[in-house]
């Protein structure tokens, strides 16, 4: 409260909830969504004069984990992160600084000559990284072996929990946990004639992780359908469902879709991990000149802000990140989505529902009567939705939405095609953001090389400033892929009176582009090449997401 992280009312709610379930107040405040795990960790660390640590920045030390058995680490919530053989010092992360019993037992196990250094870590992070540092895939293998041979792998039973007596239940859970650990955005379960292929989409690229015999498939399919509340008897029609689980100490949702194929039902699960998907603008690794342009657009009191790009280009993440910048108790943010993917505090979120005639257009109409300041419309698909969105913008609201076009300038002909008049567009569009996602080179193993003549042509007039580019190699840190993580490349078109005038008189895309370039607009291709030159990614990655053929002349 002294640091302004929570209010008196929030503390009172937390203490009332604590009486009913007897959990520590810090954990209760996190569960209610009033503060983050990191905020509690840092506040506790300052209070007791202890140093805190963000485990996502830590690289696993094999020697340290070898010193402490996995069962001990899991039971006492102590994670060894570094071993210094010269000083005989072991650094451990723990969620409880007063966990004296566990630390005494650890000293007794290691011997008195080992010095222990403790750091404070967030509880959810600690559980996640105990699993990650000790490896989890063995338990998947163990469950498969148990199903095949009838032998019980007791280690995997302890790792998942005693209540999972059915091996198939544990197998599905282990696959979901494995996908979340690897940072997958989608899980593909694909039946073939004689086997089941399991693929994860990691950093935008599908990667095969398992092949199981077809005898496993009926059990896995039924289990997933039960979890997502689908009809297990229906195998001939597509179905949709949702699974909400707590994995690695944090809530994660899965959007599930089934599709009948000739070899059985194909199931795809979209992983909705709030912690990874909703990030602040400052952490989005954007170009330096992008931030002022985005903040300038957010400062406009009314109008429409459009984010464009293909499916899977991070449009929803960008919209949520923009909303998070202005989301506080002074504004009423209402959203209309298909469906709501990430439940957020302070926002009134609604899913469109065709069954009760709650489509985008009717939804906007009803939201307008709820005294909103900011409206998020998941997608402009038709004329009626577009007209209602523009009507909301013209009556003094900020409207955020997405549109399927290939570029920022392509938004205007698309809106014309839907049926929006140019004089309505003029003056009511705050700006258009077109974006793509590209994989980032692993910082540990990327390798410099001299660009070829063809690559120099793509670099254009900036080739002379690039004596060397970088390419992927592969190491332990990036699972031998050469890439780790993704970042957004954006072209940001900030509307002003000059551009509005061109839009009003139906100017060609060439005219709009010429004027925009004179005002500092940077196309996606240029933005992508800038990221190649600063060593963040490769030309191959950029060309996979953006059309670079226009530069090859």
Protein backbone atom coordinates (compact mmCIF):
# COMPACT_ATOMS: atom_id res chain seq x y z
CA UNK A 1 0.00 0.00 0.00
CA UNK A 2 2.87 2.37 0.80
CA UNK A 3 4.29 1.80 -2.69
CA UNK A 4 0.90 2.50 -4.29
CA UNK A 5 0.59 -1.05 -5.70
CA UNK A 6 -2.74 -1.81 -3.99
CA UNK A 7 -5.55 0.22 -2.44
CA UNK A 8 -7.11 -0.12 1.03
CA UNK A 9 -10.20 -1.69 -0.58
CA UNK A 10 -8.12 -4.27 -2.41
CA UNK A 11 -6.30 -5.21 0.80
CA UNK A 12 -9.65 -5.58 2.59
CA UNK A 13 -10.95 -7.87 -0.20
CA UNK A 14 -7.73 -9.91 0.01
CA UNK A 15 -7.99 -10.32 3.80
CA UNK A 16 -11.67 -11.36 3.53
CA UNK A 17 -10.81 -14.00 0.90
CA UNK A 18 -7.87 -15.16 3.03
CA UNK A 19 -10.20 -16.07 5.91
CA UNK A 20 -12.06 -18.57 3.73
CA UNK A 21 -9.06 -20.37 2.18
CA UNK A 22 -6.17 -19.58 4.55
CA UNK A 23 -3.56 -18.79 1.87
CA UNK A 24 -0.79 -16.21 2.45
CA UNK A 25 -1.96 -12.66 1.74
CA UNK A 26 0.65 -12.13 -1.00
CA UNK A 27 -0.53 -15.18 -2.93
CA UNK A 28 -4.16 -14.11 -2.38
CA UNK A 29 -3.54 -10.64 -3.89
CA UNK A 30 -1.88 -12.25 -6.95
CA UNK A 31 -4.80 -14.68 -7.37
CA UNK A 32 -7.28 -11.78 -7.28
CA UNK A 33 -5.28 -10.00 -10.00
CA UNK A 34 -4.49 -6.92 -7.86
CA UNK A 35 -0.69 -7.31 -8.17
CA UNK A 36 1.75 -9.45 -10.12
CA UNK A 37 3.97 -12.20 -8.73
CA UNK A 38 7.00 -10.05 -9.59
CA UNK A 39 5.64 -7.08 -7.58
CA UNK A 40 5.08 -9.28 -4.49
CA UNK A 41 8.56 -10.81 -4.90
CA UNK A 42 10.27 -7.40 -5.12
CA UNK A 43 8.24 -5.91 -2.24
CA UNK A 44 9.09 -8.89 -0.01
CA UNK A 45 12.75 -8.71 -1.00
CA UNK A 46 12.94 -5.00 -0.07
CA UNK A 47 11.13 -5.59 3.25
CA UNK A 48 13.52 -8.31 4.45
CA UNK A 49 16.65 -6.83 2.81
CA UNK A 50 16.98 -9.77 0.45
CA UNK A 51 18.00 -9.76 -3.22
CA UNK A 52 15.31 -10.87 -5.70
CA UNK A 53 15.77 -12.65 -9.02
CA UNK A 54 13.79 -13.03 -12.24
CA UNK A 55 14.26 -16.71 -13.17
CA UNK A 56 13.43 -16.06 -16.83
CA UNK A 57 16.85 -14.41 -17.11
CA UNK A 58 18.70 -17.40 -15.58
CA UNK A 59 20.52 -20.06 -17.62
CA UNK A 60 20.43 -23.53 -16.03
CA UNK A 61 23.64 -24.70 -14.35
CA UNK A 62 23.94 -28.48 -14.76
CA UNK A 63 26.47 -28.78 -11.88
CA UNK A 64 24.13 -26.93 -9.50
CA UNK A 65 21.10 -29.09 -10.34
CA UNK A 66 23.23 -32.22 -9.99
CA UNK A 67 23.96 -31.30 -6.34
CA UNK A 68 20.29 -31.14 -5.31
CA UNK A 69 17.92 -34.06 -6.09
CA UNK A 70 14.74 -33.20 -7.97
CA UNK A 71 12.46 -34.58 -5.22
CA UNK A 72 14.13 -32.32 -2.61
CA UNK A 73 13.88 -29.24 -4.86
CA UNK A 74 10.20 -29.88 -5.59
CA UNK A 75 9.24 -30.71 -1.98
CA UNK A 76 10.98 -27.71 -0.42
CA UNK A 77 10.59 -25.32 -3.39
CA UNK A 78 14.30 -24.63 -3.61
CA UNK A 79 15.90 -24.22 -7.03
CA UNK A 80 19.70 -24.45 -7.41
CA UNK A 81 20.78 -21.92 -10.05
CA UNK A 82 24.57 -21.58 -9.80
CA UNK A 83 27.55 -23.51 -8.38
CA UNK A 84 30.94 -21.87 -7.79
CA UNK A 85 33.51 -24.69 -7.25
CA UNK A 86 36.30 -22.25 -6.27
CA UNK A 87 34.37 -20.74 -3.38
CA UNK A 88 32.29 -23.88 -2.88
CA UNK A 89 29.19 -21.69 -2.95
CA UNK A 90 25.74 -22.78 -4.14
CA UNK A 91 23.21 -20.10 -5.09
CA UNK A 92 19.58 -21.18 -4.67
CA UNK A 93 16.29 -19.44 -5.45
CA UNK A 94 13.41 -19.85 -3.00
CA UNK A 95 9.97 -18.30 -2.58
CA UNK A 96 10.21 -18.15 1.23
CA UNK A 97 13.18 -16.33 2.78
CA UNK A 98 12.22 -17.72 6.18
CA UNK A 99 12.28 -21.31 4.92
CA UNK A 100 14.93 -22.13 7.55
CA UNK A 101 14.10 -25.85 7.84
CA UNK A 102 14.59 -26.47 4.10
CA UNK A 103 17.87 -24.52 4.03
CA UNK A 104 19.18 -26.39 7.13
CA UNK A 105 18.30 -29.74 5.51
CA UNK A 106 20.03 -28.64 2.31
CA UNK A 107 23.19 -27.69 4.25
CA UNK A 108 23.15 -31.05 6.03
CA UNK A 109 22.78 -32.86 2.70
CA UNK A 110 25.57 -30.91 0.98
CA UNK A 111 27.98 -30.86 3.94
CA UNK A 112 28.98 -27.93 6.14
CA UNK A 113 31.80 -26.77 3.85
CA UNK A 114 29.35 -25.58 1.19
CA UNK A 115 28.22 -21.97 1.49
CA UNK A 116 24.56 -21.27 0.63
CA UNK A 117 23.45 -18.02 -1.01
CA UNK A 118 19.69 -17.40 -1.26
CA UNK A 119 17.74 -15.24 -3.68
CA UNK A 120 14.00 -14.53 -3.59
CA UNK A 121 11.95 -15.76 -6.59
CA UNK A 122 8.27 -15.54 -7.49
CA UNK A 123 6.41 -18.70 -6.42
CA UNK A 124 4.77 -19.48 -9.79
CA UNK A 125 8.08 -18.89 -11.57
CA UNK A 126 9.89 -21.16 -9.12
CA UNK A 127 7.56 -24.14 -9.77
CA UNK A 128 7.89 -23.56 -13.51
CA UNK A 129 11.68 -23.48 -13.47
CA UNK A 130 12.12 -26.45 -11.11
CA UNK A 131 10.34 -28.45 -13.83
CA UNK A 132 12.33 -26.78 -16.60
CA UNK A 133 15.79 -27.14 -15.03
CA UNK A 134 15.31 -30.79 -14.16
CA UNK A 135 13.65 -31.72 -17.47
CA UNK A 136 10.15 -33.00 -17.88
CA UNK A 137 10.06 -35.07 -21.05
CA UNK A 138 11.19 -38.22 -19.22
CA UNK A 139 7.80 -38.42 -17.58
CA UNK A 140 6.08 -38.43 -21.01
CA UNK A 141 8.33 -41.35 -21.99
CA UNK A 142 7.59 -42.97 -18.65
CA UNK A 143 3.84 -42.77 -19.19
CA UNK A 144 4.16 -44.23 -22.70
CA UNK A 145 6.28 -47.07 -21.30
CA UNK A 146 3.68 -47.63 -18.57
CA UNK A 147 0.87 -47.91 -21.14
CA UNK A 148 2.92 -50.27 -23.35
CA UNK A 149 4.37 -52.56 -20.65
CA UNK A 150 2.06 -52.12 -17.70
CA UNK A 151 5.04 -50.93 -15.60
CA UNK A 152 4.31 -47.89 -13.45
CA UNK A 153 6.79 -45.02 -13.61
CA UNK A 154 6.56 -43.73 -10.03
CA UNK A 155 8.69 -40.69 -10.78
CA UNK A 156 6.20 -39.42 -13.35
CA UNK A 157 3.32 -40.15 -10.95
CA UNK A 158 4.92 -37.87 -8.34
CA UNK A 159 5.71 -35.22 -10.91
CA UNK A 160 2.13 -34.86 -12.09
CA UNK A 161 0.14 -35.62 -8.92
CA UNK A 162 -1.33 -38.62 -7.13
CA UNK A 163 -4.91 -38.13 -8.38
CA UNK A 164 -4.01 -39.02 -11.97
CA UNK A 165 -4.28 -42.79 -11.77
CA UNK A 166 -5.24 -43.09 -15.45
CA UNK A 167 -2.11 -43.10 -17.64
CA UNK A 168 -4.00 -41.49 -20.56
CA UNK A 169 -5.06 -38.56 -18.35
CA UNK A 170 -1.44 -38.01 -17.34
CA UNK A 171 -0.22 -38.43 -20.92
CA UNK A 172 -2.48 -35.62 -22.20
CA UNK A 173 -1.52 -33.37 -19.27
CA UNK A 174 2.18 -34.09 -19.82
CA UNK A 175 1.86 -33.19 -23.54
CA UNK A 176 0.10 -29.92 -22.65
CA UNK A 177 2.73 -29.05 -20.03
CA UNK A 178 5.51 -29.90 -22.50
CA UNK A 179 3.96 -27.60 -25.12
CA UNK A 180 3.65 -24.71 -22.65
CA UNK A 181 7.23 -25.24 -21.45
CA UNK A 182 8.56 -25.09 -25.00
CA UNK A 183 6.65 -21.88 -25.66
CA UNK A 184 4.34 -23.42 -28.29
CA UNK A 185 1.45 -21.31 -29.60
CA UNK A 186 -0.44 -24.29 -31.09
CA UNK A 187 -0.55 -28.07 -30.56
CA UNK A 188 -1.42 -30.20 -33.62
CA UNK A 189 -2.59 -33.80 -33.09
CA UNK A 190 -2.76 -35.33 -36.57
CA UNK A 191 -3.88 -38.95 -37.15
CA UNK A 192 -2.35 -40.75 -40.15
CA UNK A 193 -3.05 -44.27 -41.47
CA UNK A 194 -0.89 -46.10 -38.92
CA UNK A 195 0.32 -43.45 -36.43
CA UNK A 196 -0.45 -40.17 -34.67
CA UNK A 197 1.79 -37.18 -35.43
CA UNK A 198 2.17 -34.52 -32.71
CA UNK A 199 3.50 -31.14 -33.80
CA UNK A 200 4.02 -27.89 -31.85
CA UNK A 201 4.10 -24.45 -33.49
CA UNK A 202 7.07 -22.75 -31.84
CA UNK A 203 8.03 -19.21 -32.89
CA UNK A 204 5.65 -19.49 -35.83
CA UNK A 205 7.15 -22.70 -37.27
CA UNK A 206 5.65 -26.20 -36.92
CA UNK A 207 7.99 -28.75 -35.38
CA UNK A 208 7.32 -32.48 -34.98
CA UNK A 209 7.88 -33.56 -31.38
CA UNK A 210 6.35 -37.05 -31.21
CA UNK A 211 4.97 -39.92 -33.29
CA UNK A 212 2.72 -42.39 -31.45
CA UNK A 213 1.08 -45.60 -32.62
CA UNK A 214 -2.54 -45.14 -33.74
CA UNK A 215 -3.78 -47.20 -30.76
CA UNK A 216 -3.10 -44.17 -28.52
CA UNK A 217 -5.34 -41.85 -30.52
CA UNK A 218 -8.90 -42.83 -29.40
CA UNK A 219 -7.96 -42.42 -25.72
CA UNK A 220 -6.19 -39.08 -26.28
CA UNK A 221 -9.05 -37.72 -28.41
CA UNK A 222 -11.72 -38.70 -25.85
CA UNK A 223 -9.71 -37.21 -22.98
CA UNK A 224 -9.28 -33.87 -24.80
CA UNK A 225 -13.00 -33.81 -25.68
CA UNK A 226 -13.96 -34.46 -22.05
CA UNK A 227 -11.62 -31.68 -20.85
CA UNK A 228 -13.01 -29.20 -23.40
CA UNK A 229 -16.66 -30.23 -22.74
CA UNK A 230 -17.33 -31.50 -26.28
CA UNK A 231 -19.67 -34.29 -27.34
CA UNK A 232 -17.49 -37.44 -27.25
CA UNK A 233 -20.00 -39.40 -29.37
CA UNK A 234 -19.84 -36.91 -32.26
CA UNK A 235 -16.94 -37.73 -34.59
CA UNK A 236 -18.31 -36.67 -37.99
CA UNK A 237 -18.88 -32.93 -37.39
CA UNK A 238 -16.35 -30.23 -36.39
CA UNK A 239 -16.52 -29.09 -32.76
CA UNK A 240 -15.05 -26.22 -30.73
CA UNK A 241 -14.24 -26.13 -27.03
CA UNK A 242 -12.06 -24.56 -24.37
CA UNK A 243 -9.82 -25.94 -21.61
CA UNK A 244 -8.73 -23.87 -18.57
CA UNK A 245 -5.88 -25.32 -16.51
CA UNK A 246 -3.27 -24.16 -14.03
CA UNK A 247 0.08 -25.27 -15.42
CA UNK A 248 3.44 -24.39 -13.91
CA UNK A 249 1.69 -22.32 -11.26
CA UNK A 250 -0.21 -20.00 -13.63
CA UNK A 251 -3.57 -20.12 -15.43
CA UNK A 252 -3.40 -21.18 -19.09
CA UNK A 253 -6.31 -21.62 -21.49
CA UNK A 254 -6.47 -23.81 -24.60
CA UNK A 255 -8.89 -23.16 -27.45
CA UNK A 256 -9.70 -26.57 -28.96
CA UNK A 257 -10.93 -27.34 -32.47
CA UNK A 258 -11.69 -30.74 -34.02
CA UNK A 259 -11.95 -31.47 -37.75
CA UNK A 260 -13.01 -34.85 -39.25
CA UNK A 261 -10.41 -36.27 -41.69
CA UNK A 262 -10.12 -39.58 -43.57
CA UNK A 263 -7.95 -41.11 -40.79
CA UNK A 264 -9.97 -39.78 -37.83
CA UNK A 265 -10.46 -36.48 -36.06
CA UNK A 266 -7.70 -33.88 -36.36
CA UNK A 267 -7.40 -31.82 -33.17
CA UNK A 268 -5.64 -28.45 -32.86
CA UNK A 269 -5.23 -26.63 -29.54
CA UNK A 270 -4.35 -22.91 -29.47
CA UNK A 271 -2.33 -22.15 -26.32
CA UNK A 272 -3.50 -18.94 -24.65
CA UNK A 273 -0.78 -18.07 -22.14
CA UNK A 274 -1.65 -14.68 -20.65
CA UNK A 275 1.79 -14.16 -19.12
CA UNK A 276 3.55 -14.44 -22.49
CA UNK A 277 0.90 -12.95 -24.72
CA UNK A 278 0.11 -9.71 -22.95
CA UNK A 279 3.27 -7.67 -22.73
CA UNK A 280 3.88 -3.96 -22.27
CA UNK A 281 4.91 -1.82 -25.25
CA UNK A 282 8.29 -1.22 -23.60
CA UNK A 283 9.04 -4.97 -23.69
CA UNK A 284 7.93 -5.53 -27.30
CA UNK A 285 11.43 -4.81 -28.65
CA UNK A 286 10.09 -2.25 -31.13
CA UNK A 287 12.20 0.13 -33.22
CA UNK A 288 13.15 3.31 -31.32
CA UNK A 289 11.09 5.61 -33.55
CA UNK A 290 7.96 3.40 -33.29
CA UNK A 291 7.23 4.20 -29.64
CA UNK A 292 6.64 7.99 -30.08
CA UNK A 293 4.35 7.28 -33.08
CA UNK A 294 2.29 4.75 -31.08
CA UNK A 295 1.99 7.07 -28.06
CA UNK A 296 0.99 9.97 -30.36
CA UNK A 297 -1.88 7.84 -31.74
CA UNK A 298 -2.99 6.78 -28.23
CA UNK A 299 -3.14 10.46 -27.23
CA UNK A 300 -5.93 11.14 -29.76
CA UNK A 301 -9.24 11.33 -27.79
CA UNK A 302 -11.46 9.84 -30.52
CA UNK A 303 -11.22 7.96 -33.79
CA UNK A 304 -10.41 4.47 -35.08
CA UNK A 305 -7.01 2.79 -34.73
CA UNK A 306 -6.68 -0.18 -37.11
CA UNK A 307 -4.18 -3.07 -36.78
CA UNK A 308 -3.77 -5.13 -39.95
CA UNK A 309 -1.95 -8.32 -40.86
CA UNK A 310 -2.53 -12.01 -41.67
CA UNK A 311 -3.69 -14.62 -39.15
CA UNK A 312 -1.03 -15.27 -36.50
CA UNK A 313 0.80 -11.97 -36.98
CA UNK A 314 0.24 -10.84 -33.37
CA UNK A 315 -2.60 -8.34 -34.01
CA UNK A 316 -4.48 -9.27 -30.80
CA UNK A 317 -1.30 -9.05 -28.71
CA UNK A 318 -0.54 -5.58 -30.09
CA UNK A 319 -4.12 -4.40 -29.44
CA UNK A 320 -4.01 -5.66 -25.85
CA UNK A 321 -0.58 -4.07 -25.33
CA UNK A 322 -1.92 -0.73 -26.59
CA UNK A 323 -4.98 -1.03 -24.32
CA UNK A 324 -2.76 -1.95 -21.34
CA UNK A 325 -1.00 1.43 -21.79
CA UNK A 326 -4.25 3.32 -21.16
CA UNK A 327 -6.10 0.81 -18.95
CA UNK A 328 -6.73 2.28 -15.49
CA UNK A 329 -9.64 3.11 -13.18
CA UNK A 330 -10.37 6.44 -14.93
CA UNK A 331 -11.56 4.89 -18.23
CA UNK A 332 -14.23 2.37 -19.18
CA UNK A 333 -12.82 -0.07 -21.75
CA UNK A 334 -15.33 -2.42 -23.38
CA UNK A 335 -14.38 -5.17 -25.82
CA UNK A 336 -16.26 -7.31 -28.33
CA UNK A 337 -14.25 -10.38 -29.39
CA UNK A 338 -14.72 -13.70 -31.19
CA UNK A 339 -14.05 -15.25 -28.71
CA UNK A 340 -12.50 -13.53 -25.64
CA UNK A 341 -8.98 -15.02 -25.49
CA UNK A 342 -7.38 -13.33 -22.47
CA UNK A 343 -9.59 -12.22 -19.55
CA UNK A 344 -8.21 -8.91 -18.22
CA UNK A 345 -8.93 -6.84 -15.12
CA UNK A 346 -10.84 -3.55 -15.46
CA UNK A 347 -12.00 -4.36 -19.01
CA UNK A 348 -15.60 -5.39 -19.73
CA UNK A 349 -15.13 -8.21 -22.25
CA UNK A 350 -17.91 -9.77 -24.36
CA UNK A 351 -17.80 -12.71 -26.77
CA UNK A 352 -19.88 -12.48 -29.95
CA UNK A 353 -22.53 -15.18 -30.06
CA UNK A 354 -24.45 -15.91 -33.27
CA UNK A 355 -26.99 -18.07 -31.40
CA UNK A 356 -28.39 -15.08 -29.46
CA UNK A 357 -27.88 -12.66 -32.37
CA UNK A 358 -25.00 -10.93 -30.60
CA UNK A 359 -22.84 -10.19 -33.63
CA UNK A 360 -20.25 -7.41 -33.91
CA UNK A 361 -22.73 -4.79 -35.19
CA UNK A 362 -25.40 -5.49 -32.53
CA UNK A 363 -22.68 -5.76 -29.89
CA UNK A 364 -21.31 -2.28 -30.69
CA UNK A 365 -24.87 -0.91 -30.61
CA UNK A 366 -25.44 -2.27 -27.08
CA UNK A 367 -21.93 -1.32 -25.86
CA UNK A 368 -22.62 2.32 -26.87
CA UNK A 369 -25.32 2.39 -24.17
CA UNK A 370 -22.80 1.26 -21.50
CA UNK A 371 -20.98 4.62 -21.29
CA UNK A 372 -17.66 3.41 -22.78
CA UNK A 373 -14.55 5.55 -23.30
CA UNK A 374 -12.69 2.99 -25.41
CA UNK A 375 -14.17 0.18 -27.52
CA UNK A 376 -12.22 -2.81 -28.89
CA UNK A 377 -13.94 -4.50 -31.83
CA UNK A 378 -12.23 -7.84 -32.53
CA UNK A 379 -12.51 -7.60 -36.32
CA UNK A 380 -14.24 -5.50 -38.99
CA UNK A 381 -15.67 -8.13 -41.37
CA UNK A 382 -18.66 -6.48 -43.05
CA UNK A 383 -20.31 -3.17 -43.88
CA UNK A 384 -22.66 -3.08 -40.86
CA UNK A 385 -19.81 -3.68 -38.36
CA UNK A 386 -17.62 -1.06 -40.09
CA UNK A 387 -20.43 1.52 -40.08
CA UNK A 388 -21.14 0.96 -36.38
CA UNK A 389 -17.40 1.20 -35.54
CA UNK A 390 -17.10 4.52 -37.43
CA UNK A 391 -20.31 5.79 -35.78
CA UNK A 392 -18.75 5.04 -32.38
CA UNK A 393 -15.58 6.90 -33.42
CA UNK A 394 -17.60 9.92 -34.63
CA UNK A 395 -19.46 10.15 -31.31
CA UNK A 396 -16.30 10.74 -29.30
CA UNK A 397 -14.97 7.23 -28.59
CA UNK A 398 -11.59 5.65 -29.18
CA UNK A 399 -12.15 2.49 -31.24
CA UNK A 400 -9.51 -0.23 -31.69
CA UNK A 401 -10.00 -2.92 -34.31
CA UNK A 402 -8.31 -5.32 -36.75
CA UNK A 403 -8.66 -5.68 -40.50
CA UNK A 404 -7.28 -8.30 -42.90
CA UNK A 405 -5.04 -6.42 -45.37
CA UNK A 406 -1.44 -6.88 -46.49
CA UNK A 407 -0.22 -3.36 -45.68
CA UNK A 408 -1.16 -0.21 -43.77
CA UNK A 409 -2.08 1.63 -46.99
CA UNK A 410 -4.20 -1.36 -48.06
CA UNK A 411 -6.69 -0.53 -45.27
CA UNK A 412 -8.29 2.29 -47.32
CA UNK A 413 -9.25 0.28 -50.45
CA UNK A 414 -10.42 -2.55 -48.15
CA UNK A 415 -12.75 -0.20 -46.23
CA UNK A 416 -13.98 1.23 -49.56
CA UNK A 417 -14.67 -2.33 -50.72
CA UNK A 418 -16.65 -3.04 -47.51
CA UNK A 419 -18.75 0.07 -48.21
CA UNK A 420 -17.34 2.93 -46.10
CA UNK A 421 -17.41 6.30 -47.89
CA UNK A 422 -14.09 8.21 -48.21
CA UNK A 423 -15.45 11.33 -46.49
CA UNK A 424 -16.42 9.16 -43.48
CA UNK A 425 -12.90 7.67 -43.35
CA UNK A 426 -11.28 11.10 -43.60
CA UNK A 427 -10.69 12.58 -40.17
CA UNK A 428 -11.93 9.53 -38.26
CA UNK A 429 -8.94 7.17 -38.65
CA UNK A 430 -6.24 7.80 -36.01
CA UNK A 431 -3.73 5.54 -37.72
CA UNK A 432 -3.05 2.12 -39.24
CA UNK A 433 -0.48 -0.39 -37.98
CA UNK A 434 0.53 -3.28 -40.27
CA UNK A 435 2.66 -5.94 -38.63
CA UNK A 436 4.38 -9.29 -39.07
CA UNK A 437 6.26 -11.58 -36.69
CA UNK A 438 9.80 -12.76 -37.42
CA UNK A 439 12.02 -15.10 -35.43
CA UNK A 440 14.92 -13.59 -33.48
CA UNK A 441 18.45 -14.99 -33.83
CA UNK A 442 19.80 -16.72 -30.72
CA UNK A 443 22.17 -14.26 -29.01
CA UNK A 444 24.44 -17.10 -27.84
CA UNK A 445 25.27 -18.74 -31.17
CA UNK A 446 24.54 -16.36 -34.07
CA UNK A 447 27.46 -16.10 -36.48
CA UNK A 448 28.65 -13.13 -38.56
CA UNK A 449 29.25 -13.55 -42.30
CA UNK A 450 29.81 -11.39 -45.39
CA UNK A 451 26.61 -10.78 -47.41
CA UNK A 452 26.43 -12.19 -50.96
CA UNK A 453 25.87 -9.87 -53.99
CA UNK A 454 22.18 -10.92 -54.05
CA UNK A 455 21.79 -10.03 -50.37
CA UNK A 456 23.51 -6.67 -50.95
CA UNK A 457 20.91 -5.93 -53.62
CA UNK A 458 18.13 -6.55 -51.08
CA UNK A 459 19.88 -4.32 -48.53
CA UNK A 460 19.85 -1.53 -51.14
CA UNK A 461 21.63 1.73 -50.40
CA UNK A 462 22.30 0.57 -46.82
CA UNK A 463 24.55 -2.31 -47.99
CA UNK A 464 27.70 -0.20 -47.52
CA UNK A 465 26.84 0.27 -43.81
CA UNK A 466 26.60 -3.51 -43.32
CA UNK A 467 30.06 -5.09 -43.55
CA UNK A 468 28.58 -8.32 -42.10
CA UNK A 469 25.22 -9.93 -41.41
CA UNK A 470 24.31 -12.74 -39.00
CA UNK A 471 23.03 -16.28 -39.57
CA UNK A 472 21.69 -19.03 -37.24
CA UNK A 473 23.99 -21.77 -35.94
CA UNK A 474 22.26 -23.65 -33.10
CA UNK A 475 23.24 -24.34 -29.49
CA UNK A 476 21.77 -25.66 -26.21
CA UNK A 477 20.17 -22.29 -25.42
CA UNK A 478 17.96 -22.35 -28.53
CA UNK A 479 17.47 -26.17 -28.77
CA UNK A 480 19.81 -26.18 -31.83
CA UNK A 481 17.40 -24.06 -33.88
CA UNK A 482 19.51 -20.90 -34.15
CA UNK A 483 16.45 -18.80 -33.27
CA UNK A 484 14.88 -17.99 -29.92
CA UNK A 485 11.66 -16.00 -29.63
CA UNK A 486 9.90 -13.68 -32.07
CA UNK A 487 9.53 -9.96 -32.48
CA UNK A 488 7.13 -7.71 -34.34
CA UNK A 489 8.11 -5.60 -37.33
CA UNK A 490 5.62 -2.80 -37.91
CA UNK A 491 4.80 -0.13 -40.43
CA UNK A 492 2.97 2.68 -38.63
CA UNK A 493 0.89 5.16 -40.63
CA UNK A 494 -0.09 8.12 -38.42
CA UNK A 495 -2.96 10.02 -40.06
CA UNK A 496 -2.91 13.83 -40.33
CA UNK A 497 -4.88 16.48 -42.25
CA UNK A 498 -2.82 16.07 -45.45
CA UNK A 499 -3.37 12.31 -45.62
CA UNK A 500 -7.05 12.76 -44.68
CA UNK A 501 -7.47 15.10 -47.65
CA UNK A 502 -6.02 12.50 -50.05
CA UNK A 503 -8.30 9.80 -48.59
CA UNK A 504 -11.37 12.07 -48.96
CA UNK A 505 -10.75 12.52 -52.69
CA UNK A 506 -10.06 8.81 -53.31
CA UNK A 507 -6.37 9.28 -54.09
CA UNK A 508 -4.46 6.27 -55.44
CA UNK A 509 -2.31 4.10 -53.18
CA UNK A 510 0.77 5.48 -54.99
CA UNK A 511 -0.18 9.08 -54.05
CA UNK A 512 -0.85 8.11 -50.43
CA UNK A 513 2.44 6.21 -50.27
CA UNK A 514 4.47 9.12 -51.70
CA UNK A 515 3.00 11.58 -49.16
CA UNK A 516 3.39 9.12 -46.27
CA UNK A 517 7.07 8.46 -47.14
CA UNK A 518 7.74 12.22 -47.18
CA UNK A 519 6.38 12.34 -43.60
CA UNK A 520 8.72 9.59 -42.33
CA UNK A 521 6.54 6.52 -42.96
CA UNK A 522 8.70 3.37 -43.12
CA UNK A 523 7.30 0.37 -45.07
CA UNK A 524 7.45 -3.18 -43.67
CA UNK A 525 10.28 -4.16 -46.04
CA UNK A 526 12.47 -1.27 -44.81
CA UNK A 527 11.62 -2.06 -41.19
CA UNK A 528 12.54 -5.73 -41.76
CA UNK A 529 15.87 -4.85 -43.43
CA UNK A 530 16.68 -2.52 -40.50
CA UNK A 531 16.25 -5.53 -38.17
CA UNK A 532 18.55 -7.62 -40.40
CA UNK A 533 21.21 -4.89 -40.26
CA UNK A 534 21.11 -4.62 -36.46
CA UNK A 535 21.68 -8.40 -36.18
CA UNK A 536 18.25 -9.26 -34.74
CA UNK A 537 17.16 -11.58 -37.55
CA UNK A 538 18.06 -12.87 -41.04
CA UNK A 539 17.07 -11.90 -44.58
CA UNK A 540 15.46 -15.34 -44.98
CA UNK A 541 13.22 -14.76 -41.95
CA UNK A 542 12.14 -11.31 -43.14
CA UNK A 543 11.43 -12.55 -46.69
CA UNK A 544 9.24 -15.32 -45.19
CA UNK A 545 7.02 -12.66 -43.60
CA UNK A 546 7.36 -9.65 -45.93
CA UNK A 547 7.52 -9.30 -49.74
CA UNK A 548 11.07 -8.14 -50.53
CA UNK A 549 10.88 -8.72 -54.31
CA UNK A 550 10.28 -5.01 -54.93
CA UNK A 551 13.75 -4.26 -53.54
CA UNK A 552 15.49 -6.69 -55.90
CA UNK A 553 16.24 -4.50 -58.90
